[in-house]
PDB file of N, CA and C in Angstrom:
ATOM      1  N   MET A   1      45.410 104.725  37.953  1.00  0.00           N
ATOM      2  CA  MET A   1      45.936 105.925  38.570  1.00  0.00           C
ATOM      3  C   MET A   1      44.966 107.088  38.464  1.00  0.00           C
ATOM      4  N   ALA A   2      44.092 107.072  37.455  1.00  0.00           N
ATOM      5  CA  ALA A   2      43.145 108.172  37.296  1.00  0.00           C
ATOM      6  C   ALA A   2      42.245 108.290  38.501  1.00  0.00           C
ATOM      7  N   SER A   3      41.880 107.165  39.111  1.00  0.00           N
ATOM      8  CA  SER A   3      41.000 107.227  40.274  1.00  0.00           C
ATOM      9  C   SER A   3      41.669 107.946  41.436  1.00  0.00           C
ATOM     10  N   SER A   4      42.992 107.826  41.565  1.00  0.00           N
ATOM     11  CA  SER A   4      43.664 108.539  42.648  1.00  0.00           C
ATOM     12  C   SER A   4      43.601 110.037  42.432  1.00  0.00           C
ATOM     13  N   VAL A   5      43.637 110.469  41.175  1.00  0.00           N
ATOM     14  CA  VAL A   5      43.517 111.892  40.890  1.00  0.00           C
ATOM     15  C   VAL A   5      42.118 112.361  41.222  1.00  0.00           C
ATOM     16  N   VAL A   6      41.113 111.590  40.812  1.00  0.00           N
ATOM     17  CA  VAL A   6      39.726 111.962  41.080  1.00  0.00           C
ATOM     18  C   VAL A   6      39.485 112.057  42.573  1.00  0.00           C
ATOM     19  N   LYS A   7      39.985 111.112  43.335  1.00  0.00           N
ATOM     20  CA  LYS A   7      39.791 111.145  44.783  1.00  0.00           C
ATOM     21  C   LYS A   7      40.498 112.346  45.391  1.00  0.00           C
ATOM     22  N   SER A   8      41.662 112.705  44.846  1.00  0.00           N
ATOM     23  CA  SER A   8      42.411 113.796  45.450  1.00  0.00           C
ATOM     24  C   SER A   8      41.819 115.156  45.121  1.00  0.00           C
ATOM     25  N   ILE A   9      40.993 115.253  44.069  1.00  0.00           N
ATOM     26  CA  ILE A   9      40.419 116.550  43.734  1.00  0.00           C
ATOM     27  C   ILE A   9      38.962 116.668  44.134  1.00  0.00           C
ATOM     28  N   LYS A  10      38.432 115.646  44.795  1.00  0.00           N
ATOM     29  CA  LYS A  10      37.031 115.690  45.224  1.00  0.00           C
ATOM     30  C   LYS A  10      36.848 116.821  46.235  1.00  0.00           C
ATOM     31  N   PRO A  11      35.920 117.739  45.944  1.00  0.00           N
ATOM     32  CA  PRO A  11      35.695 118.841  46.878  1.00  0.00           C
ATOM     33  C   PRO A  11      35.160 118.315  48.200  1.00  0.00           C
ATOM     34  N   SER A  12      35.602 118.904  49.280  1.00  0.00           N
ATOM     35  CA  SER A  12      35.108 118.472  50.588  1.00  0.00           C
ATOM     36  C   SER A  12      33.666 118.909  50.753  1.00  0.00           C
ATOM     37  N   GLY A  13      32.902 118.115  51.471  1.00  0.00           N
ATOM     38  CA  GLY A  13      31.517 118.454  51.729  1.00  0.00           C
ATOM     39  C   GLY A  13      30.558 118.090  50.609  1.00  0.00           C
ATOM     40  N   THR A  14      31.039 117.370  49.569  1.00  0.00           N
ATOM     41  CA  THR A  14      30.141 116.954  48.496  1.00  0.00           C
ATOM     42  C   THR A  14      29.840 115.479  48.641  1.00  0.00           C
ATOM     43  N   SER A  15      28.684 115.100  48.199  1.00  0.00           N
ATOM     44  CA  SER A  15      28.316 113.686  48.274  1.00  0.00           C
ATOM     45  C   SER A  15      28.984 112.944  47.124  1.00  0.00           C
ATOM     46  N   GLN A  16      29.132 111.647  47.272  1.00  0.00           N
ATOM     47  CA  GLN A  16      29.726 110.820  46.216  1.00  0.00           C
ATOM     48  C   GLN A  16      28.897 110.911  44.941  1.00  0.00           C
ATOM     49  N   THR A  17      27.568 110.992  45.084  1.00  0.00           N
ATOM     50  CA  THR A  17      26.683 111.048  43.913  1.00  0.00           C
ATOM     51  C   THR A  17      26.913 112.316  43.112  1.00  0.00           C
ATOM     52  N   SER A  18      26.944 113.476  43.780  1.00  0.00           N
ATOM     53  CA  SER A  18      27.157 114.726  43.042  1.00  0.00           C
ATOM     54  C   SER A  18      28.556 114.769  42.455  1.00  0.00           C
ATOM     55  N   HIS A  19      29.516 114.195  43.179  1.00  0.00           N
ATOM     56  CA  HIS A  19      30.890 114.134  42.674  1.00  0.00           C
ATOM     57  C   HIS A  19      30.951 113.253  41.426  1.00  0.00           C
ATOM     58  N   THR A  20      30.299 112.101  41.463  1.00  0.00           N
ATOM     59  CA  THR A  20      30.271 111.195  40.316  1.00  0.00           C
ATOM     60  C   THR A  20      29.585 111.859  39.133  1.00  0.00           C
ATOM     61  N   ASN A  21      28.487 112.564  39.379  1.00  0.00           N
ATOM     62  CA  ASN A  21      27.791 113.264  38.301  1.00  0.00           C
ATOM     63  C   ASN A  21      28.691 114.315  37.661  1.00  0.00           C
ATOM     64  N   SER A  22      29.491 115.009  38.451  1.00  0.00           N
ATOM     65  CA  SER A  22      30.414 116.006  37.917  1.00  0.00           C
ATOM     66  C   SER A  22      31.459 115.344  37.019  1.00  0.00           C
ATOM     67  N   ILE A  23      31.999 114.223  37.479  1.00  0.00           N
ATOM     68  CA  ILE A  23      32.998 113.496  36.681  1.00  0.00           C
ATOM     69  C   ILE A  23      32.365 113.004  35.385  1.00  0.00           C
ATOM     70  N   GLN A  24      31.134 112.494  35.440  1.00  0.00           N
ATOM     71  CA  GLN A  24      30.451 112.035  34.231  1.00  0.00           C
ATOM     72  C   GLN A  24      30.215 113.194  33.271  1.00  0.00           C
ATOM     73  N   THR A  25      29.843 114.334  33.796  1.00  0.00           N
ATOM     74  CA  THR A  25      29.623 115.516  32.958  1.00  0.00           C
ATOM     75  C   THR A  25      30.905 115.916  32.248  1.00  0.00           C
ATOM     76  N   ILE A  26      31.993 115.963  33.006  1.00  0.00           N
ATOM     77  CA  ILE A  26      33.279 116.334  32.418  1.00  0.00           C
ATOM     78  C   ILE A  26      33.715 115.292  31.390  1.00  0.00           C
ATOM     79  N   SER A  27      33.529 114.011  31.690  1.00  0.00           N
ATOM     80  CA  SER A  27      33.931 112.940  30.782  1.00  0.00           C
ATOM     81  C   SER A  27      33.151 112.980  29.469  1.00  0.00           C
ATOM     82  N   GLY A  28      31.915 113.448  29.510  1.00  0.00           N
ATOM     83  CA  GLY A  28      31.079 113.450  28.324  1.00  0.00           C
ATOM     84  C   GLY A  28      31.242 114.659  27.431  1.00  0.00           C
ATOM     85  N   ARG A  29      32.041 115.612  27.784  1.00  0.00           N
ATOM     86  CA  ARG A  29      32.176 116.802  26.940  1.00  0.00           C
ATOM     87  C   ARG A  29      32.967 116.480  25.678  1.00  0.00           C
ATOM     88  N   GLN A  30      32.780 117.282  24.641  1.00  0.00           N
ATOM     89  CA  GLN A  30      33.412 116.999  23.352  1.00  0.00           C
ATOM     90  C   GLN A  30      34.908 117.302  23.368  1.00  0.00           C
ATOM     91  N   SER A  31      35.290 118.413  23.919  1.00  0.00           N
ATOM     92  CA  SER A  31      36.699 118.787  23.951  1.00  0.00           C
ATOM     93  C   SER A  31      37.391 118.077  25.103  1.00  0.00           C
ATOM     94  N   LYS A  32      38.556 117.569  24.850  1.00  0.00           N
ATOM     95  CA  LYS A  32      39.333 116.919  25.911  1.00  0.00           C
ATOM     96  C   LYS A  32      40.452 117.853  26.393  1.00  0.00           C
ATOM     97  N   GLU A  33      40.391 119.117  25.971  1.00  0.00           N
ATOM     98  CA  GLU A  33      41.405 120.082  26.361  1.00  0.00           C
ATOM     99  C   GLU A  33      41.189 120.523  27.799  1.00  0.00           C
ATOM    100  N   LEU A  34      42.271 120.601  28.540  1.00  0.00           N
ATOM    101  CA  LEU A  34      42.228 121.046  29.925  1.00  0.00           C
ATOM    102  C   LEU A  34      43.156 122.236  30.101  1.00  0.00           C
ATOM    103  N   VAL A  35      42.758 123.157  30.931  1.00  0.00           N
ATOM    104  CA  VAL A  35      43.633 124.250  31.348  1.00  0.00           C
ATOM    105  C   VAL A  35      43.646 124.213  32.867  1.00  0.00           C
ATOM    106  N   ILE A  36      44.823 123.982  33.412  1.00  0.00           N
ATOM    107  CA  ILE A  36      44.975 123.869  34.863  1.00  0.00           C
ATOM    108  C   ILE A  36      46.033 124.876  35.291  1.00  0.00           C
ATOM    109  N   ALA A  37      45.759 125.594  36.352  1.00  0.00           N
ATOM    110  CA  ALA A  37      46.721 126.572  36.862  1.00  0.00           C
ATOM    111  C   ALA A  37      47.036 126.264  38.321  1.00  0.00           C
ATOM    112  N   PHE A  38      48.285 126.443  38.677  1.00  0.00           N
ATOM    113  CA  PHE A  38      48.728 126.290  40.052  1.00  0.00           C
ATOM    114  C   PHE A  38      49.324 127.610  40.504  1.00  0.00           C
ATOM    115  N   CYS A  39      48.999 128.000  41.703  1.00  0.00           N
ATOM    116  CA  CYS A  39      49.510 129.257  42.247  1.00  0.00           C
ATOM    117  C   CYS A  39      49.724 129.079  43.742  1.00  0.00           C
ATOM    118  N   GLY A  40      50.832 129.581  44.223  1.00  0.00           N
ATOM    119  CA  GLY A  40      51.077 129.480  45.654  1.00  0.00           C
ATOM    120  C   GLY A  40      52.325 130.233  46.050  1.00  0.00           C
ATOM    121  N   ALA A  41      52.490 130.405  47.331  1.00  0.00           N
ATOM    122  CA  ALA A  41      53.656 131.098  47.863  1.00  0.00           C
ATOM    123  C   ALA A  41      54.906 130.243  47.682  1.00  0.00           C
ATOM    124  N   ILE A  42      56.047 130.877  47.740  1.00  0.00           N
ATOM    125  CA  ILE A  42      57.315 130.162  47.662  1.00  0.00           C
ATOM    126  C   ILE A  42      57.364 129.141  48.790  1.00  0.00           C
ATOM    127  N   GLY A  43      57.705 127.916  48.445  1.00  0.00           N
ATOM    128  CA  GLY A  43      57.797 126.851  49.436  1.00  0.00           C
ATOM    129  C   GLY A  43      56.485 126.130  49.703  1.00  0.00           C
ATOM    130  N   ALA A  44      55.440 126.478  48.951  1.00  0.00           N
ATOM    131  CA  ALA A  44      54.132 125.863  49.188  1.00  0.00           C
ATOM    132  C   ALA A  44      53.993 124.483  48.546  1.00  0.00           C
ATOM    133  N   GLY A  45      54.965 124.082  47.744  1.00  0.00           N
ATOM    134  CA  GLY A  45      54.910 122.761  47.128  1.00  0.00           C
ATOM    135  C   GLY A  45      54.285 122.738  45.743  1.00  0.00           C
ATOM    136  N   ILE A  46      54.266 123.869  45.069  1.00  0.00           N
ATOM    137  CA  ILE A  46      53.654 123.949  43.741  1.00  0.00           C
ATOM    138  C   ILE A  46      54.410 123.085  42.728  1.00  0.00           C
ATOM    139  N   LYS A  47      55.741 123.085  42.796  1.00  0.00           N
ATOM    140  CA  LYS A  47      56.520 122.293  41.832  1.00  0.00           C
ATOM    141  C   LYS A  47      56.210 120.804  41.944  1.00  0.00           C
ATOM    142  N   SER A  48      56.142 120.286  43.157  1.00  0.00           N
ATOM    143  CA  SER A  48      55.866 118.855  43.320  1.00  0.00           C
ATOM    144  C   SER A  48      54.415 118.544  42.942  1.00  0.00           C
ATOM    145  N   THR A  49      53.500 119.453  43.231  1.00  0.00           N
ATOM    146  CA  THR A  49      52.102 119.273  42.850  1.00  0.00           C
ATOM    147  C   THR A  49      51.968 119.267  41.337  1.00  0.00           C
ATOM    148  N   LYS A  50      52.649 120.209  40.681  1.00  0.00           N
ATOM    149  CA  LYS A  50      52.617 120.300  39.225  1.00  0.00           C
ATOM    150  C   LYS A  50      53.211 119.034  38.601  1.00  0.00           C
ATOM    151  N   LYS A  51      54.313 118.556  39.161  1.00  0.00           N
ATOM    152  CA  LYS A  51      54.953 117.353  38.632  1.00  0.00           C
ATOM    153  C   LYS A  51      54.035 116.144  38.744  1.00  0.00           C
ATOM    154  N   ALA A  52      53.372 115.994  39.892  1.00  0.00           N
ATOM    155  CA  ALA A  52      52.450 114.865  40.094  1.00  0.00           C
ATOM    156  C   ALA A  52      51.275 114.948  39.122  1.00  0.00           C
ATOM    157  N   ALA A  53      50.723 116.129  38.957  1.00  0.00           N
ATOM    158  CA  ALA A  53      49.597 116.316  38.029  1.00  0.00           C
ATOM    159  C   ALA A  53      50.036 116.043  36.597  1.00  0.00           C
ATOM    160  N   GLN A  54      51.226 116.508  36.243  1.00  0.00           N
ATOM    161  CA  GLN A  54      51.745 116.292  34.889  1.00  0.00           C
ATOM    162  C   GLN A  54      51.907 114.797  34.609  1.00  0.00           C
ATOM    163  N   GLU A  55      52.463 114.061  35.548  1.00  0.00           N
ATOM    164  CA  GLU A  55      52.653 112.618  35.365  1.00  0.00           C
ATOM    165  C   GLU A  55      51.311 111.913  35.191  1.00  0.00           C
ATOM    166  N   GLU A  56      50.336 112.263  36.015  1.00  0.00           N
ATOM    167  CA  GLU A  56      49.006 111.649  35.921  1.00  0.00           C
ATOM    168  C   GLU A  56      48.347 111.975  34.579  1.00  0.00           C
ATOM    169  N   LEU A  57      48.424 113.224  34.173  1.00  0.00           N
ATOM    170  CA  LEU A  57      47.792 113.630  32.913  1.00  0.00           C
ATOM    171  C   LEU A  57      48.460 112.975  31.710  1.00  0.00           C
ATOM    172  N   GLU A  58      49.777 112.850  31.748  1.00  0.00           N
ATOM    173  CA  GLU A  58      50.490 112.176  30.653  1.00  0.00           C
ATOM    174  C   GLU A  58      50.098 110.702  30.576  1.00  0.00           C
ATOM    175  N   GLU A  59      49.914 110.064  31.738  1.00  0.00           N
ATOM    176  CA  GLU A  59      49.463 108.664  31.746  1.00  0.00           C
ATOM    177  C   GLU A  59      48.072 108.533  31.151  1.00  0.00           C
ATOM    178  N   LEU A  60      47.265 109.571  31.255  1.00  0.00           N
ATOM    179  CA  LEU A  60      45.921 109.570  30.690  1.00  0.00           C
ATOM    180  C   LEU A  60      45.908 109.973  29.210  1.00  0.00           C
ATOM    181  N   GLY A  61      47.098 110.233  28.649  1.00  0.00           N
ATOM    182  CA  GLY A  61      47.196 110.534  27.227  1.00  0.00           C
ATOM    183  C   GLY A  61      47.206 112.007  26.874  1.00  0.00           C
ATOM    184  N   TYR A  62      47.316 112.880  27.853  1.00  0.00           N
ATOM    185  CA  TYR A  62      47.356 114.320  27.577  1.00  0.00           C
ATOM    186  C   TYR A  62      48.777 114.763  27.258  1.00  0.00           C
ATOM    187  N   ASP A  63      48.883 115.726  26.347  1.00  0.00           N
ATOM    188  CA  ASP A  63      50.150 116.420  26.118  1.00  0.00           C
ATOM    189  C   ASP A  63      50.162 117.603  27.068  1.00  0.00           C
ATOM    190  N   VAL A  64      51.160 117.652  27.925  1.00  0.00           N
ATOM    191  CA  VAL A  64      51.215 118.697  28.938  1.00  0.00           C
ATOM    192  C   VAL A  64      52.162 119.795  28.470  1.00  0.00           C
ATOM    193  N   VAL A  65      51.673 121.021  28.518  1.00  0.00           N
ATOM    194  CA  VAL A  65      52.481 122.191  28.174  1.00  0.00           C
ATOM    195  C   VAL A  65      52.599 123.034  29.440  1.00  0.00           C
ATOM    196  N   ASP A  66      53.824 123.253  29.863  1.00  0.00           N
ATOM    197  CA  ASP A  66      54.073 124.013  31.084  1.00  0.00           C
ATOM    198  C   ASP A  66      54.353 125.464  30.717  1.00  0.00           C
ATOM    199  N   LEU A  67      53.431 126.351  31.032  1.00  0.00           N
ATOM    200  CA  LEU A  67      53.610 127.779  30.808  1.00  0.00           C
ATOM    201  C   LEU A  67      53.690 128.459  32.159  1.00  0.00           C
ATOM    202  N   ARG A  68      54.735 129.206  32.356  1.00  0.00           N
ATOM    203  CA  ARG A  68      54.887 129.925  33.617  1.00  0.00           C
ATOM    204  C   ARG A  68      54.624 131.407  33.365  1.00  0.00           C
ATOM    205  N   LEU A  69      53.623 131.915  34.019  1.00  0.00           N
ATOM    206  CA  LEU A  69      53.231 133.303  33.829  1.00  0.00           C
ATOM    207  C   LEU A  69      54.380 134.242  34.150  1.00  0.00           C
ATOM    208  N   SER A  70      55.150 133.938  35.184  1.00  0.00           N
ATOM    209  CA  SER A  70      56.266 134.810  35.561  1.00  0.00           C
ATOM    210  C   SER A  70      57.306 134.878  34.446  1.00  0.00           C
ATOM    211  N   GLN A  71      57.559 133.752  33.761  1.00  0.00           N
ATOM    212  CA  GLN A  71      58.511 133.765  32.655  1.00  0.00           C
ATOM    213  C   GLN A  71      57.968 134.549  31.472  1.00  0.00           C
ATOM    214  N   LEU A  72      56.669 134.394  31.185  1.00  0.00           N
ATOM    215  CA  LEU A  72      56.073 135.155  30.101  1.00  0.00           C
ATOM    216  C   LEU A  72      56.127 136.650  30.395  1.00  0.00           C
ATOM    217  N   MET A  73      55.882 137.018  31.644  1.00  0.00           N
ATOM    218  CA  MET A  73      55.957 138.428  32.022  1.00  0.00           C
ATOM    219  C   MET A  73      57.378 138.951  31.865  1.00  0.00           C
ATOM    220  N   ASP A  74      58.362 138.161  32.286  1.00  0.00           N
ATOM    221  CA  ASP A  74      59.765 138.569  32.139  1.00  0.00           C
ATOM    222  C   ASP A  74      60.113 138.783  30.674  1.00  0.00           C
ATOM    223  N   GLN A  75      59.674 137.865  29.804  1.00  0.00           N
ATOM    224  CA  GLN A  75      59.952 137.993  28.372  1.00  0.00           C
ATOM    225  C   GLN A  75      59.289 139.238  27.801  1.00  0.00           C
ATOM    226  N   PHE A  76      58.037 139.466  28.183  1.00  0.00           N
ATOM    227  CA  PHE A  76      57.323 140.637  27.686  1.00  0.00           C
ATOM    228  C   PHE A  76      58.000 141.918  28.142  1.00  0.00           C
ATOM    229  N   LEU A  77      58.344 141.975  29.431  1.00  0.00           N
ATOM    230  CA  LEU A  77      58.968 143.185  29.954  1.00  0.00           C
ATOM    231  C   LEU A  77      60.344 143.413  29.345  1.00  0.00           C
ATOM    232  N   ALA A  78      61.081 142.323  29.096  1.00  0.00           N
ATOM    233  CA  ALA A  78      62.395 142.468  28.467  1.00  0.00           C
ATOM    234  C   ALA A  78      62.252 143.028  27.061  1.00  0.00           C
ATOM    235  N   LYS A  79      61.283 142.516  26.316  1.00  0.00           N
ATOM    236  CA  LYS A  79      61.052 143.029  24.965  1.00  0.00           C
ATOM    237  C   LYS A  79      60.583 144.471  25.027  1.00  0.00           C
ATOM    238  N   ASP A  80      59.684 144.752  25.962  1.00  0.00           N
ATOM    239  CA  ASP A  80      59.143 146.096  26.103  1.00  0.00           C
ATOM    240  C   ASP A  80      60.249 147.068  26.512  1.00  0.00           C
ATOM    241  N   ALA A  81      61.121 146.644  27.439  1.00  0.00           N
ATOM    242  CA  ALA A  81      62.218 147.501  27.880  1.00  0.00           C
ATOM    243  C   ALA A  81      63.166 147.788  26.724  1.00  0.00           C
ATOM    244  N   ASN A  82      63.469 146.778  25.897  1.00  0.00           N
ATOM    245  CA  ASN A  82      64.328 147.000  24.734  1.00  0.00           C
ATOM    246  C   ASN A  82      63.685 147.978  23.769  1.00  0.00           C
ATOM    247  N   TYR A  83      62.395 147.832  23.565  1.00  0.00           N
ATOM    248  CA  TYR A  83      61.685 148.746  22.673  1.00  0.00           C
ATOM    249  C   TYR A  83      61.736 150.162  23.221  1.00  0.00           C
ATOM    250  N   LEU A  84      61.467 150.298  24.519  1.00  0.00           N
ATOM    251  CA  LEU A  84      61.484 151.630  25.125  1.00  0.00           C
ATOM    252  C   LEU A  84      62.875 152.246  25.077  1.00  0.00           C
ATOM    253  N   MET A  85      63.896 151.426  25.278  1.00  0.00           N
ATOM    254  CA  MET A  85      65.265 151.935  25.215  1.00  0.00           C
ATOM    255  C   MET A  85      65.591 152.423  23.800  1.00  0.00           C
ATOM    256  N   LYS A  86      65.228 151.645  22.792  1.00  0.00           N
ATOM    257  CA  LYS A  86      65.471 152.056  21.408  1.00  0.00           C
ATOM    258  C   LYS A  86      64.707 153.335  21.076  1.00  0.00           C
ATOM    259  N   LEU A  87      63.476 153.414  21.550  1.00  0.00           N
ATOM    260  CA  LEU A  87      62.665 154.605  21.315  1.00  0.00           C
ATOM    261  C   LEU A  87      63.300 155.817  21.974  1.00  0.00           C
ATOM    262  N   ALA A  88      63.810 155.657  23.179  1.00  0.00           N
ATOM    263  CA  ALA A  88      64.469 156.760  23.886  1.00  0.00           C
ATOM    264  C   ALA A  88      65.716 157.204  23.137  1.00  0.00           C
ATOM    265  N   ILE A  89      66.491 156.265  22.614  1.00  0.00           N
ATOM    266  CA  ILE A  89      67.708 156.608  21.859  1.00  0.00           C
ATOM    267  C   ILE A  89      67.348 157.372  20.587  1.00  0.00           C
ATOM    268  N   VAL A  90      66.321 156.919  19.891  1.00  0.00           N
ATOM    269  CA  VAL A  90      65.889 157.610  18.675  1.00  0.00           C
ATOM    270  C   VAL A  90      65.447 159.031  19.006  1.00  0.00           C
ATOM    271  N   ARG A  91      64.674 159.179  20.061  1.00  0.00           N
ATOM    272  CA  ARG A  91      64.193 160.513  20.450  1.00  0.00           C
ATOM    273  C   ARG A  91      65.349 161.424  20.859  1.00  0.00           C
ATOM    274  N   MET A  92      66.305 160.870  21.610  1.00  0.00           N
ATOM    275  CA  MET A  92      67.463 161.673  22.007  1.00  0.00           C
ATOM    276  C   MET A  92      68.281 162.080  20.795  1.00  0.00           C
ATOM    277  N   THR A  93      68.445 161.172  19.856  1.00  0.00           N
ATOM    278  CA  THR A  93      69.188 161.479  18.637  1.00  0.00           C
ATOM    279  C   THR A  93      68.490 162.584  17.857  1.00  0.00           C
ATOM    280  N   MET A  94      67.182 162.488  17.740  1.00  0.00           N
ATOM    281  CA  MET A  94      66.420 163.520  17.024  1.00  0.00           C
ATOM    282  C   MET A  94      66.546 164.859  17.740  1.00  0.00           C
ATOM    283  N   LEU A  95      66.464 164.850  19.076  1.00  0.00           N
ATOM    284  CA  LEU A  95      66.582 166.083  19.837  1.00  0.00           C
ATOM    285  C   LEU A  95      67.960 166.706  19.662  1.00  0.00           C
ATOM    286  N   LEU A  96      69.005 165.881  19.750  1.00  0.00           N
ATOM    287  CA  LEU A  96      70.365 166.386  19.556  1.00  0.00           C
ATOM    288  C   LEU A  96      70.547 166.941  18.146  1.00  0.00           C
ATOM    289  N   THR A  97      69.979 166.268  17.164  1.00  0.00           N
ATOM    290  CA  THR A  97      70.079 166.740  15.783  1.00  0.00           C
ATOM    291  C   THR A  97      69.417 168.110  15.644  1.00  0.00           C
ATOM    292  N   VAL A  98      68.239 168.252  16.222  1.00  0.00           N
ATOM    293  CA  VAL A  98      67.534 169.534  16.172  1.00  0.00           C
ATOM    294  C   VAL A  98      68.348 170.613  16.887  1.00  0.00           C
ATOM    295  N   MET A  99      68.898 170.292  18.066  1.00  0.00           N
ATOM    296  CA  MET A  99      69.677 171.266  18.812  1.00  0.00           C
ATOM    297  C   MET A  99      70.927 171.679  18.057  1.00  0.00           C
ATOM    298  N   LEU A 100      71.605 170.736  17.434  1.00  0.00           N
ATOM    299  CA  LEU A 100      72.807 171.053  16.665  1.00  0.00           C
ATOM    300  C   LEU A 100      72.475 171.901  15.447  1.00  0.00           C
ATOM    301  N   ASN A 101      71.339 171.627  14.837  1.00  0.00           N
ATOM    302  CA  ASN A 101      70.946 172.413  13.676  1.00  0.00           C
ATOM    303  C   ASN A 101      70.569 173.833  14.061  1.00  0.00           C
ATOM    304  N   ILE A 102      70.053 174.038  15.237  1.00  0.00           N
ATOM    305  CA  ILE A 102      69.688 175.380  15.694  1.00  0.00           C
ATOM    306  C   ILE A 102      70.947 176.205  15.931  1.00  0.00           C
ATOM    307  N   LYS A 103      71.978 175.594  16.480  1.00  0.00           N
ATOM    308  CA  LYS A 103      73.223 176.315  16.790  1.00  0.00           C
ATOM    309  C   LYS A 103      74.003 176.680  15.544  1.00  0.00           C
ATOM    310  N   THR A 104      73.853 175.965  14.464  1.00  0.00           N
ATOM    311  CA  THR A 104      74.659 176.246  13.275  1.00  0.00           C
ATOM    312  C   THR A 104      74.029 177.248  12.368  1.00  0.00           C
TER     313      THR A 104
END
């Protein structure tokens, strides 16, 4: 199945020799870690592409970790929004305390 992946990612306009040399270069590196990103418009088929790549990589012995940037951004913004809300409440409380102390 690995050969089907190699054939599907072969850049157009490259010779078989340069393509083979690239695969040999990648195969000979010390680290076997891969970072692959998929990006596309809604309906572009990213989910099915990701699923196919994940299945192929798992068959080759890779542990696949699916990280979605949009989910990470949502988590960060949610945490940031909670922090900002708490900060605003603290500041309002301090302001009200100061105002009440001025009136008394």
